[in-house]
N, C-alpha and C. Protein backbone atom coordinates (compact mmCIF):
# COMPACT_ATOMS: atom_id res chain seq x y z
N MET A 1 59.37 1.03 123.60
CA MET A 1 60.24 0.40 124.59
C MET A 1 59.56 0.36 125.96
N MET A 2 58.62 1.28 126.20
CA MET A 2 57.98 1.35 127.51
C MET A 2 57.32 0.02 127.87
N LEU A 3 56.54 -0.56 126.99
CA LEU A 3 55.86 -1.82 127.28
C LEU A 3 56.87 -2.94 127.54
N THR A 4 57.93 -2.97 126.76
CA THR A 4 58.99 -3.97 126.96
C THR A 4 59.63 -3.81 128.33
N THR A 5 59.85 -2.58 128.74
CA THR A 5 60.45 -2.32 130.06
C THR A 5 59.58 -2.90 131.16
N TYR A 6 58.28 -2.64 131.11
CA TYR A 6 57.40 -3.12 132.17
C TYR A 6 57.21 -4.63 132.10
N LEU A 7 57.30 -5.20 130.92
CA LEU A 7 57.28 -6.65 130.79
C LEU A 7 58.54 -7.23 131.44
N ASN A 8 59.69 -6.60 131.19
CA ASN A 8 60.93 -7.04 131.84
C ASN A 8 60.81 -6.93 133.35
N ALA A 9 60.21 -5.84 133.84
CA ALA A 9 60.04 -5.64 135.28
C ALA A 9 59.12 -6.72 135.85
N PHE A 10 58.03 -7.02 135.16
CA PHE A 10 57.12 -8.08 135.60
C PHE A 10 57.84 -9.42 135.63
N GLN A 11 58.61 -9.71 134.58
CA GLN A 11 59.29 -11.00 134.50
C GLN A 11 60.36 -11.15 135.56
N ILE A 12 61.08 -10.08 135.90
CA ILE A 12 62.07 -10.21 136.97
C ILE A 12 61.35 -10.38 138.30
N GLY A 13 60.13 -9.82 138.40
CA GLY A 13 59.30 -10.08 139.56
C GLY A 13 58.89 -11.54 139.66
N VAL A 14 58.62 -12.17 138.53
CA VAL A 14 58.31 -13.60 138.51
C VAL A 14 59.47 -14.38 139.11
N ILE A 15 60.69 -13.99 138.77
CA ILE A 15 61.88 -14.65 139.33
C ILE A 15 61.91 -14.46 140.85
N ALA A 16 61.58 -13.25 141.31
CA ALA A 16 61.56 -12.98 142.76
C ALA A 16 60.54 -13.87 143.48
N GLY A 17 59.43 -14.16 142.82
CA GLY A 17 58.45 -15.05 143.41
C GLY A 17 58.93 -16.48 143.51
N MET A 18 59.80 -16.86 142.58
CA MET A 18 60.36 -18.21 142.59
C MET A 18 61.49 -18.32 143.62
N ARG A 19 62.40 -17.38 143.56
CA ARG A 19 63.55 -17.32 144.47
C ARG A 19 63.80 -15.85 144.79
N ALA A 20 63.51 -15.46 146.01
CA ALA A 20 63.49 -14.04 146.40
C ALA A 20 64.80 -13.30 146.15
N LEU A 21 65.92 -13.95 146.33
CA LEU A 21 67.20 -13.24 146.20
C LEU A 21 67.83 -13.39 144.83
N THR A 22 67.34 -14.31 144.03
CA THR A 22 67.89 -14.48 142.68
C THR A 22 67.61 -13.26 141.82
N ALA A 23 66.41 -12.70 141.92
CA ALA A 23 66.05 -11.54 141.09
C ALA A 23 66.97 -10.34 141.35
N PRO A 24 67.11 -9.87 142.60
CA PRO A 24 68.01 -8.73 142.79
C PRO A 24 69.47 -9.06 142.49
N ALA A 25 69.87 -10.32 142.69
CA ALA A 25 71.25 -10.71 142.37
C ALA A 25 71.50 -10.57 140.87
N LEU A 26 70.54 -11.01 140.06
CA LEU A 26 70.69 -10.90 138.60
C LEU A 26 70.66 -9.44 138.14
N VAL A 27 69.75 -8.65 138.72
CA VAL A 27 69.67 -7.23 138.36
C VAL A 27 70.97 -6.52 138.74
N SER A 28 71.44 -6.76 139.95
CA SER A 28 72.66 -6.10 140.40
C SER A 28 73.87 -6.53 139.56
N HIS A 29 73.94 -7.81 139.22
CA HIS A 29 75.04 -8.28 138.38
C HIS A 29 75.05 -7.54 137.03
N LYS A 30 73.88 -7.43 136.42
CA LYS A 30 73.78 -6.73 135.13
C LYS A 30 74.20 -5.27 135.28
N LEU A 31 73.67 -4.60 136.30
CA LEU A 31 73.94 -3.18 136.48
C LEU A 31 75.40 -2.92 136.87
N ALA A 32 75.97 -3.81 137.68
CA ALA A 32 77.36 -3.63 138.10
C ALA A 32 78.31 -3.76 136.91
N ASN A 33 77.86 -4.43 135.86
CA ASN A 33 78.67 -4.60 134.66
C ASN A 33 78.25 -3.68 133.53
N THR A 34 77.48 -2.65 133.85
CA THR A 34 77.03 -1.66 132.87
C THR A 34 77.70 -0.33 133.18
N HIS A 35 78.40 0.20 132.20
CA HIS A 35 79.11 1.47 132.40
C HIS A 35 78.84 2.40 131.23
N PRO A 36 78.58 3.67 131.48
CA PRO A 36 78.49 4.29 132.80
C PRO A 36 77.24 3.85 133.54
N ASP A 37 77.20 4.17 134.81
CA ASP A 37 76.14 3.77 135.72
C ASP A 37 74.79 4.30 135.27
N PRO A 38 73.83 3.42 134.93
CA PRO A 38 72.51 3.90 134.50
C PRO A 38 71.64 4.38 135.66
N LEU A 39 72.07 4.12 136.90
CA LEU A 39 71.28 4.53 138.07
C LEU A 39 71.95 5.65 138.85
N VAL A 40 72.85 6.39 138.20
CA VAL A 40 73.55 7.46 138.88
C VAL A 40 72.53 8.44 139.47
N ASN A 41 72.78 8.91 140.68
CA ASN A 41 71.89 9.82 141.42
C ASN A 41 70.54 9.21 141.76
N SER A 42 70.46 7.90 141.82
CA SER A 42 69.22 7.20 142.15
C SER A 42 69.34 6.56 143.52
N LYS A 43 68.21 6.41 144.19
CA LYS A 43 68.19 5.68 145.46
C LYS A 43 68.53 4.20 145.25
N LEU A 44 68.40 3.73 144.03
CA LEU A 44 68.70 2.33 143.71
C LEU A 44 70.14 2.13 143.21
N ASP A 45 70.95 3.19 143.26
CA ASP A 45 72.31 3.11 142.73
C ASP A 45 73.17 2.07 143.44
N PHE A 46 72.79 1.69 144.67
CA PHE A 46 73.55 0.66 145.38
C PHE A 46 73.60 -0.65 144.58
N LEU A 47 72.61 -0.87 143.71
CA LEU A 47 72.59 -2.08 142.90
C LEU A 47 73.66 -2.08 141.82
N HIS A 48 74.24 -0.92 141.53
CA HIS A 48 75.31 -0.82 140.54
C HIS A 48 76.66 -1.26 141.10
N SER A 49 76.74 -1.41 142.39
CA SER A 49 78.00 -1.77 143.05
C SER A 49 78.36 -3.24 142.83
N SER A 50 79.60 -3.49 142.48
CA SER A 50 80.04 -4.88 142.33
C SER A 50 80.03 -5.60 143.68
N THR A 51 80.25 -4.86 144.76
CA THR A 51 80.18 -5.46 146.10
C THR A 51 78.76 -5.92 146.39
N THR A 52 77.78 -5.07 146.08
CA THR A 52 76.38 -5.45 146.27
C THR A 52 76.05 -6.68 145.43
N ALA A 53 76.50 -6.68 144.18
CA ALA A 53 76.23 -7.82 143.30
C ALA A 53 76.80 -9.11 143.89
N THR A 54 78.00 -9.05 144.40
CA THR A 54 78.64 -10.23 144.98
C THR A 54 77.89 -10.70 146.22
N ILE A 55 77.54 -9.78 147.10
CA ILE A 55 76.80 -10.13 148.32
C ILE A 55 75.46 -10.77 147.96
N LEU A 56 74.76 -10.18 147.01
CA LEU A 56 73.46 -10.72 146.61
C LEU A 56 73.60 -12.11 145.98
N LYS A 57 74.66 -12.33 145.21
CA LYS A 57 74.86 -13.65 144.62
C LYS A 57 75.15 -14.70 145.69
N VAL A 58 75.93 -14.34 146.70
CA VAL A 58 76.21 -15.27 147.80
C VAL A 58 74.92 -15.58 148.57
N LEU A 59 74.14 -14.53 148.86
CA LEU A 59 72.86 -14.74 149.56
C LEU A 59 71.89 -15.58 148.73
N ALA A 60 71.87 -15.34 147.43
CA ALA A 60 71.00 -16.12 146.54
C ALA A 60 71.43 -17.59 146.54
N GLY A 61 72.72 -17.83 146.55
CA GLY A 61 73.22 -19.21 146.63
C GLY A 61 72.79 -19.87 147.93
N GLY A 62 72.85 -19.12 149.02
CA GLY A 62 72.39 -19.64 150.31
C GLY A 62 70.90 -19.96 150.29
N GLU A 63 70.13 -19.09 149.61
CA GLU A 63 68.70 -19.33 149.50
C GLU A 63 68.42 -20.62 148.71
N LEU A 64 69.19 -20.86 147.66
CA LEU A 64 69.01 -22.07 146.87
C LEU A 64 69.24 -23.32 147.73
N ILE A 65 70.20 -23.24 148.62
CA ILE A 65 70.47 -24.37 149.53
C ILE A 65 69.36 -24.47 150.58
N GLY A 66 69.02 -23.33 151.19
CA GLY A 66 68.02 -23.31 152.25
C GLY A 66 66.65 -23.78 151.80
N ASP A 67 66.33 -23.55 150.53
CA ASP A 67 65.03 -23.96 150.01
C ASP A 67 64.82 -25.47 150.07
N LYS A 68 65.91 -26.20 150.08
CA LYS A 68 65.80 -27.67 150.09
C LYS A 68 65.61 -28.24 151.49
N LEU A 69 65.75 -27.42 152.51
CA LEU A 69 65.65 -27.90 153.89
C LEU A 69 64.18 -28.09 154.27
N PRO A 70 63.88 -29.15 155.03
CA PRO A 70 62.48 -29.42 155.37
C PRO A 70 61.82 -28.32 156.21
N GLN A 71 62.61 -27.57 156.98
CA GLN A 71 62.04 -26.53 157.83
C GLN A 71 61.90 -25.17 157.12
N SER A 72 62.17 -25.14 155.82
CA SER A 72 62.03 -23.89 155.06
C SER A 72 60.59 -23.41 155.11
N PRO A 73 60.40 -22.11 155.36
CA PRO A 73 59.02 -21.60 155.43
C PRO A 73 58.36 -21.61 154.05
N ASN A 74 57.08 -21.65 154.07
CA ASN A 74 56.23 -21.63 152.90
C ASN A 74 56.34 -20.26 152.20
N ARG A 75 56.55 -20.25 150.89
CA ARG A 75 56.76 -19.00 150.15
C ARG A 75 55.57 -18.06 150.14
N ILE A 76 54.38 -18.59 150.40
CA ILE A 76 53.21 -17.72 150.44
C ILE A 76 52.77 -17.43 151.88
N GLY A 77 53.60 -17.82 152.82
CA GLY A 77 53.34 -17.55 154.23
C GLY A 77 53.67 -16.10 154.58
N ALA A 78 53.24 -15.70 155.78
CA ALA A 78 53.39 -14.32 156.23
C ALA A 78 54.86 -13.87 156.33
N SER A 79 55.78 -14.79 156.53
CA SER A 79 57.18 -14.38 156.65
C SER A 79 57.89 -14.30 155.30
N GLN A 80 57.37 -14.97 154.28
CA GLN A 80 58.06 -15.04 153.00
C GLN A 80 57.44 -14.19 151.90
N LEU A 81 56.13 -14.14 151.81
CA LEU A 81 55.50 -13.42 150.71
C LEU A 81 55.88 -11.93 150.67
N PRO A 82 55.88 -11.22 151.80
CA PRO A 82 56.29 -9.81 151.73
C PRO A 82 57.72 -9.62 151.23
N VAL A 83 58.61 -10.54 151.58
CA VAL A 83 60.00 -10.45 151.12
C VAL A 83 60.06 -10.61 149.60
N ARG A 84 59.30 -11.54 149.07
CA ARG A 84 59.27 -11.77 147.63
C ARG A 84 58.65 -10.58 146.89
N ILE A 85 57.60 -10.00 147.47
CA ILE A 85 56.98 -8.81 146.87
C ILE A 85 57.97 -7.64 146.86
N LEU A 86 58.65 -7.43 147.98
CA LEU A 86 59.64 -6.35 148.05
C LEU A 86 60.78 -6.60 147.06
N SER A 87 61.25 -7.83 146.98
CA SER A 87 62.31 -8.17 146.04
C SER A 87 61.87 -7.89 144.60
N GLY A 88 60.66 -8.31 144.26
CA GLY A 88 60.13 -8.06 142.92
C GLY A 88 59.97 -6.57 142.64
N ALA A 89 59.49 -5.83 143.64
CA ALA A 89 59.29 -4.39 143.47
C ALA A 89 60.62 -3.66 143.27
N VAL A 90 61.61 -3.96 144.09
CA VAL A 90 62.92 -3.30 143.97
C VAL A 90 63.58 -3.69 142.65
N SER A 91 63.52 -4.96 142.31
CA SER A 91 64.14 -5.42 141.06
C SER A 91 63.44 -4.81 139.85
N GLY A 92 62.10 -4.78 139.87
CA GLY A 92 61.35 -4.18 138.77
C GLY A 92 61.59 -2.68 138.66
N ALA A 93 61.67 -2.01 139.81
CA ALA A 93 61.96 -0.57 139.81
C ALA A 93 63.33 -0.29 139.21
N ALA A 94 64.32 -1.10 139.59
CA ALA A 94 65.68 -0.90 139.07
C ALA A 94 65.74 -1.13 137.57
N VAL A 95 65.06 -2.16 137.09
CA VAL A 95 65.02 -2.43 135.65
C VAL A 95 64.39 -1.24 134.92
N SER A 96 63.26 -0.77 135.45
CA SER A 96 62.57 0.36 134.80
C SER A 96 63.41 1.62 134.81
N GLU A 97 64.01 1.92 135.95
CA GLU A 97 64.83 3.13 136.01
C GLU A 97 66.05 3.02 135.11
N ALA A 98 66.66 1.86 135.09
CA ALA A 98 67.83 1.67 134.22
C ALA A 98 67.47 1.86 132.75
N GLU A 99 66.25 1.52 132.39
CA GLU A 99 65.81 1.67 131.01
C GLU A 99 65.15 3.03 130.75
N GLY A 100 65.19 3.91 131.75
CA GLY A 100 64.68 5.27 131.58
C GLY A 100 63.17 5.40 131.66
N GLU A 101 62.52 4.44 132.31
CA GLU A 101 61.07 4.48 132.44
C GLU A 101 60.67 4.71 133.90
N SER A 102 59.37 4.73 134.15
CA SER A 102 58.81 5.06 135.46
C SER A 102 59.18 4.04 136.53
N VAL A 103 59.78 4.53 137.61
CA VAL A 103 60.15 3.67 138.73
C VAL A 103 58.91 3.09 139.42
N PRO A 104 57.88 3.90 139.73
CA PRO A 104 56.71 3.32 140.39
C PRO A 104 56.00 2.25 139.55
N TYR A 105 55.88 2.46 138.25
CA TYR A 105 55.25 1.45 137.40
C TYR A 105 56.10 0.19 137.33
N GLY A 106 57.41 0.35 137.27
CA GLY A 106 58.30 -0.81 137.28
C GLY A 106 58.21 -1.58 138.58
N ALA A 107 58.14 -0.84 139.70
CA ALA A 107 58.00 -1.48 141.01
C ALA A 107 56.68 -2.25 141.09
N LEU A 108 55.61 -1.64 140.59
CA LEU A 108 54.31 -2.31 140.61
C LEU A 108 54.34 -3.57 139.74
N ALA A 109 54.91 -3.47 138.56
CA ALA A 109 55.01 -4.63 137.67
C ALA A 109 55.82 -5.74 138.33
N GLY A 110 56.94 -5.39 138.94
CA GLY A 110 57.77 -6.39 139.61
C GLY A 110 57.05 -7.03 140.78
N ALA A 111 56.34 -6.23 141.57
CA ALA A 111 55.59 -6.76 142.71
C ALA A 111 54.48 -7.70 142.24
N LEU A 112 53.77 -7.30 141.18
CA LEU A 112 52.71 -8.17 140.65
C LEU A 112 53.26 -9.49 140.13
N GLY A 113 54.41 -9.43 139.46
CA GLY A 113 55.05 -10.66 138.99
C GLY A 113 55.43 -11.57 140.14
N ALA A 114 55.92 -10.96 141.22
CA ALA A 114 56.32 -11.75 142.40
C ALA A 114 55.11 -12.42 143.05
N VAL A 115 54.01 -11.69 143.18
CA VAL A 115 52.81 -12.27 143.79
C VAL A 115 52.29 -13.42 142.92
N ALA A 116 52.17 -13.17 141.63
CA ALA A 116 51.64 -14.19 140.72
C ALA A 116 52.48 -15.46 140.76
N SER A 117 53.79 -15.31 140.67
CA SER A 117 54.62 -16.52 140.62
C SER A 117 54.77 -17.18 141.98
N SER A 118 54.72 -16.41 143.06
CA SER A 118 54.78 -17.04 144.39
C SER A 118 53.65 -18.04 144.55
N PHE A 119 52.44 -17.61 144.21
CA PHE A 119 51.29 -18.50 144.34
C PHE A 119 51.31 -19.61 143.28
N ALA A 120 51.64 -19.25 142.05
CA ALA A 120 51.64 -20.24 140.97
C ALA A 120 52.65 -21.35 141.24
N PHE A 121 53.87 -20.97 141.60
CA PHE A 121 54.90 -21.99 141.82
C PHE A 121 54.71 -22.75 143.13
N PHE A 122 54.10 -22.09 144.14
CA PHE A 122 53.77 -22.82 145.36
C PHE A 122 52.79 -23.95 145.04
N HIS A 123 51.72 -23.61 144.33
CA HIS A 123 50.70 -24.61 144.02
C HIS A 123 51.21 -25.66 143.03
N LEU A 124 52.02 -25.24 142.07
CA LEU A 124 52.59 -26.20 141.12
C LEU A 124 53.50 -27.19 141.84
N ARG A 125 54.37 -26.67 142.71
CA ARG A 125 55.28 -27.56 143.43
C ARG A 125 54.51 -28.50 144.35
N HIS A 126 53.49 -27.98 145.02
CA HIS A 126 52.67 -28.82 145.89
C HIS A 126 51.97 -29.92 145.08
N TRP A 127 51.41 -29.56 143.94
CA TRP A 127 50.73 -30.52 143.08
C TRP A 127 51.70 -31.61 142.60
N LEU A 128 52.89 -31.17 142.16
CA LEU A 128 53.86 -32.15 141.65
C LEU A 128 54.38 -33.08 142.73
N THR A 129 54.53 -32.57 143.95
CA THR A 129 55.10 -33.40 145.01
C THR A 129 54.02 -34.15 145.80
N ALA A 130 53.01 -33.44 146.28
CA ALA A 130 51.98 -34.08 147.11
C ALA A 130 51.01 -34.92 146.29
N ASP A 131 50.57 -34.39 145.17
CA ASP A 131 49.56 -35.10 144.39
C ASP A 131 50.15 -36.10 143.39
N LYS A 132 51.26 -35.76 142.78
CA LYS A 132 51.87 -36.63 141.77
C LYS A 132 53.00 -37.49 142.31
N GLY A 133 53.43 -37.21 143.55
CA GLY A 133 54.43 -38.05 144.19
C GLY A 133 55.87 -37.86 143.73
N LEU A 134 56.13 -36.77 143.04
CA LEU A 134 57.52 -36.52 142.60
C LEU A 134 58.35 -36.04 143.78
N PRO A 135 59.63 -36.34 143.80
CA PRO A 135 60.47 -35.95 144.94
C PRO A 135 60.68 -34.43 144.99
N ASP A 136 60.40 -33.86 146.16
CA ASP A 136 60.51 -32.41 146.32
C ASP A 136 61.90 -31.87 145.97
N PRO A 137 63.00 -32.51 146.41
CA PRO A 137 64.31 -31.95 146.05
C PRO A 137 64.53 -31.85 144.54
N ALA A 138 64.03 -32.81 143.80
CA ALA A 138 64.19 -32.77 142.33
C ALA A 138 63.38 -31.62 141.75
N ILE A 139 62.17 -31.43 142.22
CA ILE A 139 61.33 -30.33 141.74
C ILE A 139 61.96 -29.00 142.12
N ALA A 140 62.51 -28.91 143.32
CA ALA A 140 63.18 -27.68 143.76
C ALA A 140 64.38 -27.35 142.87
N LEU A 141 65.15 -28.37 142.51
CA LEU A 141 66.31 -28.15 141.62
C LEU A 141 65.87 -27.70 140.23
N ILE A 142 64.78 -28.25 139.75
CA ILE A 142 64.25 -27.82 138.45
C ILE A 142 63.80 -26.37 138.54
N GLU A 143 63.16 -26.02 139.64
CA GLU A 143 62.72 -24.62 139.83
C GLU A 143 63.92 -23.68 139.92
N ASP A 144 64.98 -24.12 140.60
CA ASP A 144 66.22 -23.32 140.65
C ASP A 144 66.73 -23.05 139.23
N ALA A 145 66.80 -24.11 138.44
CA ALA A 145 67.31 -23.97 137.07
C ALA A 145 66.42 -23.03 136.25
N LEU A 146 65.10 -23.16 136.42
CA LEU A 146 64.18 -22.26 135.72
C LEU A 146 64.38 -20.81 136.15
N ALA A 147 64.49 -20.60 137.45
CA ALA A 147 64.65 -19.23 137.97
C ALA A 147 65.93 -18.60 137.44
N ILE A 148 67.01 -19.33 137.49
CA ILE A 148 68.30 -18.79 137.03
C ILE A 148 68.29 -18.62 135.51
N GLY A 149 67.87 -19.65 134.79
CA GLY A 149 67.88 -19.57 133.32
C GLY A 149 66.96 -18.51 132.78
N PHE A 150 65.71 -18.47 133.27
CA PHE A 150 64.76 -17.47 132.82
C PHE A 150 65.21 -16.08 133.25
N GLY A 151 65.76 -15.98 134.47
CA GLY A 151 66.26 -14.69 134.95
C GLY A 151 67.39 -14.15 134.09
N LEU A 152 68.31 -15.02 133.71
CA LEU A 152 69.40 -14.59 132.82
C LEU A 152 68.86 -14.14 131.47
N LEU A 153 67.86 -14.85 130.97
CA LEU A 153 67.24 -14.48 129.70
C LEU A 153 66.55 -13.12 129.80
N VAL A 154 65.82 -12.91 130.88
CA VAL A 154 65.16 -11.61 131.08
C VAL A 154 66.20 -10.49 131.12
N MET A 155 67.25 -10.69 131.90
CA MET A 155 68.24 -9.63 132.06
C MET A 155 69.03 -9.39 130.77
N ARG A 156 69.13 -10.38 129.90
CA ARG A 156 69.79 -10.19 128.61
C ARG A 156 69.02 -9.17 127.76
N HIS A 157 67.69 -9.10 127.99
CA HIS A 157 66.86 -8.19 127.22
C HIS A 157 66.71 -6.81 127.84
N VAL A 158 67.27 -6.61 129.02
CA VAL A 158 67.24 -5.29 129.66
C VAL A 158 68.33 -4.44 129.01
N GLU A 159 67.93 -3.27 128.51
CA GLU A 159 68.86 -2.38 127.83
C GLU A 159 68.94 -1.06 128.57
N PRO A 160 69.89 -0.94 129.50
CA PRO A 160 70.01 0.30 130.27
C PRO A 160 70.30 1.51 129.37
N VAL A 161 69.70 2.62 129.76
CA VAL A 161 69.96 3.90 129.10
C VAL A 161 71.22 4.45 129.75
N LEU A 162 72.22 4.71 128.94
CA LEU A 162 73.48 5.19 129.50
C LEU A 162 73.50 6.71 129.46
N HIS A 163 73.61 7.30 130.64
CA HIS A 163 73.63 8.74 130.79
C HIS A 163 75.07 9.25 130.80
N GLU A 164 75.27 10.39 130.20
CA GLU A 164 76.59 11.02 130.28
C GLU A 164 76.76 11.54 131.71
N GLN A 165 77.86 11.19 132.31
CA GLN A 165 78.12 11.63 133.68
C GLN A 165 79.10 12.79 133.64
N GLU A 166 78.87 13.72 134.57
CA GLU A 166 79.76 14.87 134.65
C GLU A 166 81.09 14.41 135.23
N PRO A 167 82.20 14.91 134.65
CA PRO A 167 83.51 14.52 135.19
C PRO A 167 83.68 15.05 136.61
N VAL A 168 84.38 14.29 137.41
CA VAL A 168 84.65 14.69 138.78
C VAL A 168 85.77 15.72 138.76
N ALA A 169 85.54 16.85 139.42
CA ALA A 169 86.55 17.92 139.45
C ALA A 169 87.71 17.52 140.35
N ALA A 170 88.91 17.83 139.90
CA ALA A 170 90.09 17.54 140.71
C ALA A 170 90.14 18.50 141.89
N ALA A 171 90.55 18.00 143.05
CA ALA A 171 90.59 18.82 144.26
C ALA A 171 91.82 19.69 144.31
């Protein structure tokens, strides 16, 4: 299962490289609907919150809209690439921890996936629009669909380890 976990972490990082907020939104949605909490006593436990999941989904929706604006910054630029790497790292770490594997290795896998896809999809989109003359909004919508569809598929394969939680003592 270890290799599968890190593959899942890498793949959710790929989603972060495509759309920075879609990856954590998908991870948080999955974890918020997993009971008992697989991240109990973790620094990443905030991702188990349904409130966090909702906020991330709203922000991800805003990102999908903002990506279509002409003034949107370049995904491999100094203001965007670090955000995508961080998103991939946090998402990959959460996937790994939820599956009972190494958080640092999951974070590394997620960050690597984010870097790889940030550059790959930047150059692919540029090639399709600038060199092949395809309309950028159409390519952006296709990328949105790929990010969401592939992200949902990745998260379907994440199998959190469910820990027995100690009952809360009555006061």
